[in-house]
Amino acid sequence: MTFAVITVVDFFHNANKTLPLPHFFPTMKATTPIVVFLLFIVVTSTDALCGTKPRIVNLTSSALPYELGREIGEKCKSEIERRLSYSDEDATYARRLVAKSDSLKALVTSWKAIHKESFPDAVSELSGISAGSGVSMDDLFVQQTYVELLLYHYHKLSSSSSSSSITDGHCTDVMMFAKEGKKLVHGHNDDWTCELAPDMVILQTASWTAYTHPASLVGGAFVVNRWGLSFGVNTAYPLDSGGGTFSSAFILRSLIDSKNIGEVLARLPKYPVRGGFVLDVSSACERRAASIEVYGATFSVRSISWKSRGASLVHTNTYDSLNVDRWESAYAKRHRDCAKTATFLNVTDVRRFLGDSTDCPVFETDIDKSETMATLIADADLKTLTVYTNPNIIDDDRPLVLPWNFVCDTLSKTNKNAG
């Protein structure tokens, strides 16, 4: 970050005399014999994070989903209200479309009933968020489902051919085992827009810690849980819905209490997603990591274990394993192709890659596509979750470091690769 400082001191003028200022200032009149100006112009470099540390919100409610949601709504009321007041966000556009269209209103009503039947806890939690924040349940439901609404309903109905504002850019995950020992690291760049960064929070319960926006159900960004699992989500936008029924937001919320990767894989086929997503999950207790691509009722899995020391998995916001036609710009393709060539030997390599100290355009800075709001690194050996939000994460010696208090037991160590 570069600071330019302009100081104008000790200008002695009469009250009616025009004060000479640089050409980019409006003409000003001096109103006192001595006028002192101190102007700071802040120019942010193009390789900087959004720069806002997330607020930590400790949740103490019971395990009842509604009570948990109400506490989130009450403690994060201002962030939720601001998110739903943004005038130029895709979710706001979707809410306006629903308000004007009887067919979309009917669709949302039927979706709410379907999701309530299959995900009663998540819908109850969302209802609690509505009660606590004062934001309507209908608006919050559209907030969770706007991608599916815009890509697979409105755009089909209107024959619109452009969805780049939704589909370009976005997140990257790296999961790796160090060349020496059994060290497991899961890194994630959360990319969206710096406008949202000040309202991102860290929600903490006895079961999980999540980097998220409180207007969204937990699980859509990055989560670590008490069974040693970490979850990072990458967007992947198929050209069609894949015949699925459910919104990814509700599916992902249902997964974060899983105790091992096998449990995650067992739950996914039960809930065909409308469209698709990529879930990157690492298991500290199993010493295993998996990148799971999901499209409709179909999914594929690439996995590594500590026995393959030096192994890594990198995933960007696209499909690598499934043969799915998808939205993908030239920028996103370069992002994906470049990421395939990266190698990782230690956590510093992960930080350098996610911080764009390499030649891959992983670190997002283009406001027309997306911007990196935070880089998160879950370290299974140190049992920490580190959140980098300051410029130049390689030299950032003041990140937010949170404990990752997981315990390995028989439920979290079911895989044959567990140590």
Foldseek 3Di string as FASTA:
>chain_A
DDKDKDKDWFQADDQADWDDDPPVDDIDGDHDRIDIDIDIDDDDDLLKFLQADAAADEFDDDPQLLRSLLSLLQVQLVLLVVVCPDDPDLLVVLVVVCVVDPVSVVVLVVLLVVCCVVQVSQLSSLVSSCVNNVPDSSSLSSVQCSVLCVQAPPCVVVVDDDDQLPQFFFKKWKWAAAQPDLKIKIKMFGKAASVSLNQWHWYDYQFKTATGRSSAQTQAAWMATQLQKIKGKAAAFFNFQLPFRHGVRSLRNVPRNANAVVVNVVSLLVGFHRGWIWMWMAGLQQQKIWIWTHGGNDIDIDMDGSVPHQDMDMDHNYDDPDPGHTDYDPLRVQLGVVVVPQGDNDVLSVLCVCSVVDPHCNQDRDNSGIHGNWMWMQISVVQWIWIDRTTPVSPDPDTDIDGNNYDHDCSNHPDPSGD
